[in-house]
C-alpha atoms as a PDB file:
ATOM      1  CA  UNK A   1     -55.035  99.762 -81.583  1.00  0.00           C
ATOM      2  CA  UNK A   2     -56.251  97.208 -79.042  1.00  0.00           C
ATOM      3  CA  UNK A   3     -55.560  93.645 -79.945  1.00  0.00           C
ATOM      4  CA  UNK A   4     -58.482  91.267 -80.260  1.00  0.00           C
ATOM      5  CA  UNK A   5     -58.554  88.614 -77.515  1.00  0.00           C
ATOM      6  CA  UNK A   6     -56.948  85.393 -78.633  1.00  0.00           C
ATOM      7  CA  UNK A   7     -58.751  82.061 -78.531  1.00  0.00           C
ATOM      8  CA  UNK A   8     -56.671  81.112 -75.479  1.00  0.00           C
ATOM      9  CA  UNK A   9     -57.640  84.300 -73.641  1.00  0.00           C
ATOM     10  CA  UNK A  10     -61.301  83.871 -74.522  1.00  0.00           C
ATOM     11  CA  UNK A  11     -61.233  80.301 -73.295  1.00  0.00           C
ATOM     12  CA  UNK A  12     -59.519  81.363 -70.067  1.00  0.00           C
ATOM     13  CA  UNK A  13     -62.079  84.112 -69.526  1.00  0.00           C
ATOM     14  CA  UNK A  14     -64.908  81.673 -70.173  1.00  0.00           C
ATOM     15  CA  UNK A  15     -63.545  79.251 -67.561  1.00  0.00           C
ATOM     16  CA  UNK A  16     -63.029  82.063 -65.050  1.00  0.00           C
ATOM     17  CA  UNK A  17     -66.597  83.309 -65.559  1.00  0.00           C
ATOM     18  CA  UNK A  18     -68.021  79.816 -65.191  1.00  0.00           C
ATOM     19  CA  UNK A  19     -66.030  79.273 -61.988  1.00  0.00           C
ATOM     20  CA  UNK A  20     -67.255  82.637 -60.646  1.00  0.00           C
ATOM     21  CA  UNK A  21     -70.864  81.639 -61.318  1.00  0.00           C
ATOM     22  CA  UNK A  22     -70.383  78.314 -59.540  1.00  0.00           C
ATOM     23  CA  UNK A  23     -68.642  79.921 -56.554  1.00  0.00           C
ATOM     24  CA  UNK A  24     -71.326  82.597 -56.249  1.00  0.00           C
ATOM     25  CA  UNK A  25     -74.152  80.085 -56.626  1.00  0.00           C
ATOM     26  CA  UNK A  26     -72.724  77.873 -53.883  1.00  0.00           C
ATOM     27  CA  UNK A  27     -72.519  80.854 -51.521  1.00  0.00           C
ATOM     28  CA  UNK A  28     -76.140  81.790 -52.228  1.00  0.00           C
ATOM     29  CA  UNK A  29     -77.381  78.204 -51.983  1.00  0.00           C
ATOM     30  CA  UNK A  30     -75.758  77.936 -48.550  1.00  0.00           C
ATOM     31  CA  UNK A  31     -76.988  81.351 -47.413  1.00  0.00           C
ATOM     32  CA  UNK A  32     -80.538  81.476 -48.821  1.00  0.00           C
ATOM     33  CA  UNK A  33     -81.197  77.900 -49.846  1.00  0.00           C
ATOM     34  CA  UNK A  34     -81.496  76.486 -53.343  1.00  0.00           C
ATOM     35  CA  UNK A  35     -85.223  77.137 -53.777  1.00  0.00           C
ATOM     36  CA  UNK A  36     -84.998  80.825 -52.819  1.00  0.00           C
ATOM     37  CA  UNK A  37     -82.046  81.552 -55.114  1.00  0.00           C
ATOM     38  CA  UNK A  38     -82.707  82.645 -58.694  1.00  0.00           C
ATOM     39  CA  UNK A  39     -80.489  82.890 -61.734  1.00  0.00           C
ATOM     40  CA  UNK A  40     -80.839  86.680 -61.508  1.00  0.00           C
ATOM     41  CA  UNK A  41     -79.628  86.569 -57.875  1.00  0.00           C
ATOM     42  CA  UNK A  42     -76.562  84.580 -58.924  1.00  0.00           C
ATOM     43  CA  UNK A  43     -75.760  86.893 -61.840  1.00  0.00           C
ATOM     44  CA  UNK A  44     -76.219  90.060 -59.757  1.00  0.00           C
ATOM     45  CA  UNK A  45     -74.009  88.867 -56.903  1.00  0.00           C
ATOM     46  CA  UNK A  46     -71.343  87.763 -59.402  1.00  0.00           C
ATOM     47  CA  UNK A  47     -71.467  91.159 -61.110  1.00  0.00           C
ATOM     48  CA  UNK A  48     -72.642  89.638 -64.389  1.00  0.00           C
ATOM     49  CA  UNK A  49     -75.593  90.109 -66.671  1.00  0.00           C
ATOM     50  CA  UNK A  50     -78.330  87.497 -66.348  1.00  0.00           C
ATOM     51  CA  UNK A  51     -77.848  86.676 -70.014  1.00  0.00           C
ATOM     52  CA  UNK A  52     -74.186  85.875 -69.352  1.00  0.00           C
ATOM     53  CA  UNK A  53     -75.169  83.415 -66.615  1.00  0.00           C
ATOM     54  CA  UNK A  54     -77.622  81.717 -68.986  1.00  0.00           C
ATOM     55  CA  UNK A  55     -74.895  81.530 -71.640  1.00  0.00           C
ATOM     56  CA  UNK A  56     -72.845  79.311 -69.321  1.00  0.00           C
ATOM     57  CA  UNK A  57     -75.691  77.370 -67.694  1.00  0.00           C
ATOM     58  CA  UNK A  58     -79.175  76.918 -69.180  1.00  0.00           C
ATOM     59  CA  UNK A  59     -80.871  76.796 -65.774  1.00  0.00           C
ATOM     60  CA  UNK A  60     -80.313  76.650 -62.026  1.00  0.00           C
ATOM     61  CA  UNK A  61     -80.347  72.839 -61.917  1.00  0.00           C
ATOM     62  CA  UNK A  62     -77.434  72.779 -64.348  1.00  0.00           C
ATOM     63  CA  UNK A  63     -75.444  74.945 -61.931  1.00  0.00           C
ATOM     64  CA  UNK A  64     -76.323  72.491 -59.177  1.00  0.00           C
ATOM     65  CA  UNK A  65     -75.223  69.531 -61.325  1.00  0.00           C
ATOM     66  CA  UNK A  66     -71.950  71.295 -62.145  1.00  0.00           C
ATOM     67  CA  UNK A  67     -71.429  71.887 -58.417  1.00  0.00           C
ATOM     68  CA  UNK A  68     -71.989  68.192 -57.666  1.00  0.00           C
ATOM     69  CA  UNK A  69     -69.669  67.182 -60.509  1.00  0.00           C
ATOM     70  CA  UNK A  70     -66.860  69.455 -59.264  1.00  0.00           C
ATOM     71  CA  UNK A  71     -67.341  68.348 -55.651  1.00  0.00           C
ATOM     72  CA  UNK A  72     -66.943  64.682 -56.601  1.00  0.00           C
ATOM     73  CA  UNK A  73     -63.931  65.419 -58.816  1.00  0.00           C
ATOM     74  CA  UNK A  74     -62.192  67.360 -56.042  1.00  0.00           C
ATOM     75  CA  UNK A  75     -62.886  64.671 -53.430  1.00  0.00           C
ATOM     76  CA  UNK A  76     -61.641  61.881 -55.707  1.00  0.00           C
ATOM     77  CA  UNK A  77     -58.472  63.776 -56.651  1.00  0.00           C
ATOM     78  CA  UNK A  78     -57.699  64.413 -52.984  1.00  0.00           C
ATOM     79  CA  UNK A  79     -58.407  60.771 -52.169  1.00  0.00           C
ATOM     80  CA  UNK A  80     -56.005  59.355 -54.736  1.00  0.00           C
ATOM     81  CA  UNK A  81     -53.307  61.862 -53.755  1.00  0.00           C
ATOM     82  CA  UNK A  82     -53.618  60.985 -50.056  1.00  0.00           C
ATOM     83  CA  UNK A  83     -54.022  57.199 -50.294  1.00  0.00           C
ATOM     84  CA  UNK A  84     -51.713  55.658 -47.660  1.00  0.00           C
ATOM     85  CA  UNK A  85     -48.944  53.433 -49.092  1.00  0.00           C
ATOM     86  CA  UNK A  86     -49.245  49.673 -48.738  1.00  0.00           C
ATOM     87  CA  UNK A  87     -52.988  49.914 -48.170  1.00  0.00           C
ATOM     88  CA  UNK A  88     -55.110  46.784 -48.001  1.00  0.00           C
ATOM     89  CA  UNK A  89     -57.808  46.128 -50.611  1.00  0.00           C
ATOM     90  CA  UNK A  90     -60.505  47.301 -48.210  1.00  0.00           C
ATOM     91  CA  UNK A  91     -58.548  50.454 -47.284  1.00  0.00           C
ATOM     92  CA  UNK A  92     -58.020  51.320 -50.962  1.00  0.00           C
ATOM     93  CA  UNK A  93     -61.766  51.151 -51.609  1.00  0.00           C
ATOM     94  CA  UNK A  94     -62.853  52.818 -48.371  1.00  0.00           C
ATOM     95  CA  UNK A  95     -60.455  55.789 -48.533  1.00  0.00           C
ATOM     96  CA  UNK A  96     -62.041  57.692 -51.474  1.00  0.00           C
ATOM     97  CA  UNK A  97     -65.518  57.041 -50.108  1.00  0.00           C
ATOM     98  CA  UNK A  98     -64.503  58.465 -46.739  1.00  0.00           C
ATOM     99  CA  UNK A  99     -63.252  61.627 -48.484  1.00  0.00           C
ATOM    100  CA  UNK A 100     -66.568  62.042 -50.303  1.00  0.00           C
ATOM    101  CA  UNK A 101     -68.593  61.446 -47.121  1.00  0.00           C
ATOM    102  CA  UNK A 102     -66.455  63.999 -45.260  1.00  0.00           C
ATOM    103  CA  UNK A 103     -66.985  66.526 -48.051  1.00  0.00           C
ATOM    104  CA  UNK A 104     -70.774  66.146 -48.089  1.00  0.00           C
ATOM    105  CA  UNK A 105     -70.957  66.190 -44.288  1.00  0.00           C
ATOM    106  CA  UNK A 106     -69.617  69.773 -44.258  1.00  0.00           C
ATOM    107  CA  UNK A 107     -72.796  71.079 -45.938  1.00  0.00           C
ATOM    108  CA  UNK A 108     -75.466  68.395 -45.368  1.00  0.00           C
ATOM    109  CA  UNK A 109     -78.474  70.477 -46.431  1.00  0.00           C
ATOM    110  CA  UNK A 110     -76.888  71.574 -49.707  1.00  0.00           C
ATOM    111  CA  UNK A 111     -75.661  68.008 -50.253  1.00  0.00           C
ATOM    112  CA  UNK A 112     -79.219  66.685 -49.921  1.00  0.00           C
ATOM    113  CA  UNK A 113     -80.391  69.209 -52.491  1.00  0.00           C
ATOM    114  CA  UNK A 114     -77.494  68.369 -54.819  1.00  0.00           C
ATOM    115  CA  UNK A 115     -78.368  64.684 -54.883  1.00  0.00           C
ATOM    116  CA  UNK A 116     -82.140  65.150 -54.985  1.00  0.00           C
ATOM    117  CA  UNK A 117     -82.178  67.654 -57.841  1.00  0.00           C
ATOM    118  CA  UNK A 118     -79.590  65.911 -60.021  1.00  0.00           C
ATOM    119  CA  UNK A 119     -80.972  62.367 -59.764  1.00  0.00           C
ATOM    120  CA  UNK A 120     -81.936  61.256 -63.301  1.00  0.00           C
ATOM    121  CA  UNK A 121     -81.322  64.794 -64.553  1.00  0.00           C
ATOM    122  CA  UNK A 122     -81.446  65.371 -68.305  1.00  0.00           C
ATOM    123  CA  UNK A 123     -79.402  67.796 -70.412  1.00  0.00           C
ATOM    124  CA  UNK A 124     -75.630  68.292 -70.837  1.00  0.00           C
ATOM    125  CA  UNK A 125     -74.763  68.585 -67.149  1.00  0.00           C
ATOM    126  CA  UNK A 126     -76.978  65.674 -66.194  1.00  0.00           C
ATOM    127  CA  UNK A 127     -75.121  63.646 -68.810  1.00  0.00           C
ATOM    128  CA  UNK A 128     -71.758  64.737 -67.380  1.00  0.00           C
ATOM    129  CA  UNK A 129     -72.803  63.567 -63.912  1.00  0.00           C
ATOM    130  CA  UNK A 130     -73.879  60.218 -65.416  1.00  0.00           C
ATOM    131  CA  UNK A 131     -70.547  59.908 -67.244  1.00  0.00           C
ATOM    132  CA  UNK A 132     -68.708  60.709 -64.014  1.00  0.00           C
ATOM    133  CA  UNK A 133     -70.579  57.905 -62.228  1.00  0.00           C
ATOM    134  CA  UNK A 134     -69.773  55.483 -65.051  1.00  0.00           C
ATOM    135  CA  UNK A 135     -66.123  56.539 -64.902  1.00  0.00           C
ATOM    136  CA  UNK A 136     -66.110  55.866 -61.151  1.00  0.00           C
ATOM    137  CA  UNK A 137     -67.346  52.334 -61.832  1.00  0.00           C
ATOM    138  CA  UNK A 138     -64.676  51.835 -64.497  1.00  0.00           C
ATOM    139  CA  UNK A 139     -61.905  53.178 -62.228  1.00  0.00           C
ATOM    140  CA  UNK A 140     -63.051  50.871 -59.429  1.00  0.00           C
ATOM    141  CA  UNK A 141     -63.069  47.962 -61.855  1.00  0.00           C
ATOM    142  CA  UNK A 142     -59.527  48.811 -62.969  1.00  0.00           C
ATOM    143  CA  UNK A 143     -58.326  48.890 -59.345  1.00  0.00           C
ATOM    144  CA  UNK A 144     -59.869  45.476 -58.788  1.00  0.00           C
ATOM    145  CA  UNK A 145     -58.409  44.079 -62.002  1.00  0.00           C
ATOM    146  CA  UNK A 146     -54.946  45.325 -61.020  1.00  0.00           C
ATOM    147  CA  UNK A 147     -55.352  43.621 -57.664  1.00  0.00           C
ATOM    148  CA  UNK A 148     -56.420  40.417 -59.418  1.00  0.00           C
ATOM    149  CA  UNK A 149     -53.411  40.583 -61.744  1.00  0.00           C
ATOM    150  CA  UNK A 150     -51.184  41.028 -58.680  1.00  0.00           C
ATOM    151  CA  UNK A 151     -52.666  37.944 -57.088  1.00  0.00           C
ATOM    152  CA  UNK A 152     -54.501  39.811 -54.335  1.00  0.00           C
ATOM    153  CA  UNK A 153     -57.891  38.790 -55.696  1.00  0.00           C
ATOM    154  CA  UNK A 154     -58.837  35.334 -56.889  1.00  0.00           C
ATOM    155  CA  UNK A 155     -58.326  34.697 -60.592  1.00  0.00           C
ATOM    156  CA  UNK A 156     -61.998  33.834 -61.114  1.00  0.00           C
ATOM    157  CA  UNK A 157     -63.277  37.096 -59.562  1.00  0.00           C
ATOM    158  CA  UNK A 158     -65.630  39.077 -61.813  1.00  0.00           C
ATOM    159  CA  UNK A 159     -64.241  42.579 -61.379  1.00  0.00           C
ATOM    160  CA  UNK A 160     -67.037  44.269 -63.341  1.00  0.00           C
ATOM    161  CA  UNK A 161     -69.720  42.862 -61.032  1.00  0.00           C
ATOM    162  CA  UNK A 162     -67.632  43.597 -57.942  1.00  0.00           C
ATOM    163  CA  UNK A 163     -67.133  47.210 -59.083  1.00  0.00           C
ATOM    164  CA  UNK A 164     -70.884  47.634 -59.540  1.00  0.00           C
ATOM    165  CA  UNK A 165     -71.359  46.253 -56.047  1.00  0.00           C
ATOM    166  CA  UNK A 166     -68.827  48.675 -54.560  1.00  0.00           C
ATOM    167  CA  UNK A 167     -70.441  51.737 -56.180  1.00  0.00           C
ATOM    168  CA  UNK A 168     -73.951  50.515 -55.319  1.00  0.00           C
ATOM    169  CA  UNK A 169     -72.978  50.216 -51.652  1.00  0.00           C
ATOM    170  CA  UNK A 170     -71.391  53.688 -51.763  1.00  0.00           C
ATOM    171  CA  UNK A 171     -74.510  55.305 -53.252  1.00  0.00           C
ATOM    172  CA  UNK A 172     -76.939  53.567 -50.925  1.00  0.00           C
ATOM    173  CA  UNK A 173     -74.943  54.506 -47.807  1.00  0.00           C
ATOM    174  CA  UNK A 174     -74.497  58.088 -49.038  1.00  0.00           C
ATOM    175  CA  UNK A 175     -78.244  58.600 -49.622  1.00  0.00           C
ATOM    176  CA  UNK A 176     -79.134  56.811 -46.395  1.00  0.00           C
ATOM    177  CA  UNK A 177     -76.572  58.840 -44.456  1.00  0.00           C
ATOM    178  CA  UNK A 178     -77.750  62.193 -45.785  1.00  0.00           C
ATOM    179  CA  UNK A 179     -81.342  61.305 -44.973  1.00  0.00           C
ATOM    180  CA  UNK A 180     -80.281  60.979 -41.331  1.00  0.00           C
ATOM    181  CA  UNK A 181     -77.795  63.878 -41.173  1.00  0.00           C
ATOM    182  CA  UNK A 182     -74.636  62.108 -42.203  1.00  0.00           C
ATOM    183  CA  UNK A 183     -72.257  60.803 -39.520  1.00  0.00           C
ATOM    184  CA  UNK A 184     -69.025  60.090 -41.348  1.00  0.00           C
ATOM    185  CA  UNK A 185     -67.583  57.375 -39.106  1.00  0.00           C
ATOM    186  CA  UNK A 186     -70.896  55.561 -38.856  1.00  0.00           C
ATOM    187  CA  UNK A 187     -71.399  55.592 -42.618  1.00  0.00           C
ATOM    188  CA  UNK A 188     -67.788  54.582 -43.306  1.00  0.00           C
ATOM    189  CA  UNK A 189     -68.024  51.662 -40.877  1.00  0.00           C
ATOM    190  CA  UNK A 190     -71.218  50.388 -42.488  1.00  0.00           C
ATOM    191  CA  UNK A 191     -69.724  50.787 -45.956  1.00  0.00           C
ATOM    192  CA  UNK A 192     -66.649  48.832 -44.872  1.00  0.00           C
ATOM    193  CA  UNK A 193     -68.788  46.000 -43.470  1.00  0.00           C
ATOM    194  CA  UNK A 194     -70.691  45.812 -46.759  1.00  0.00           C
ATOM    195  CA  UNK A 195     -67.416  45.749 -48.698  1.00  0.00           C
ATOM    196  CA  UNK A 196     -66.037  42.935 -46.572  1.00  0.00           C
ATOM    197  CA  UNK A 197     -69.231  40.982 -47.175  1.00  0.00           C
ATOM    198  CA  UNK A 198     -69.039  41.666 -50.924  1.00  0.00           C
ATOM    199  CA  UNK A 199     -65.407  40.623 -51.218  1.00  0.00           C
ATOM    200  CA  UNK A 200     -65.508  37.610 -48.926  1.00  0.00           C
ATOM    201  CA  UNK A 201     -64.116  34.645 -50.810  1.00  0.00           C
ATOM    202  CA  UNK A 202     -62.461  36.878 -53.420  1.00  0.00           C
ATOM    203  CA  UNK A 203     -59.433  38.108 -51.463  1.00  0.00           C
ATOM    204  CA  UNK A 204     -56.450  35.799 -51.829  1.00  0.00           C
ATOM    205  CA  UNK A 205     -54.299  34.671 -48.947  1.00  0.00           C
END
């Protein structure tokens, strides 16, 4: 008698199916474009029933939001793993942003669609993207607070406001860059100049 799948196996299969849908959707978005790709197209190419695709994602925008979420997570993980030792404050803040810019520059058209379609998005995946952005602000604030505790930032620096400034500069340069077909070095240089302006008077020594 065949054994029933365990909870662990079901969960693993669910994750594998979700990842297959995301991988297939990305390929179709790049090949056909987001607008010309349907949920049925994604399910057929993945070898799944359309109902299965809808079980994992309620609509095509949710797949796009999940793609954006995973892209940002991957870029941030790579950034923290590859951060050069003994980096300056500016280098620590610029490095992850450079990684994200480089990632989006590989597929500029899809990146434009990702940001346009997920801006102010509602639903579970829209909420996850919002939470990810809030977590990025909190992580930036923690980095700044650690630097302040180590004496690298002035004791009276407001790390919460500075973190909001850092993320605001990142978002504005990202959107501006994609609107002009992103040039990584140009965008990174502008972001760094904005950071230096933001942090002037806060860096000790």
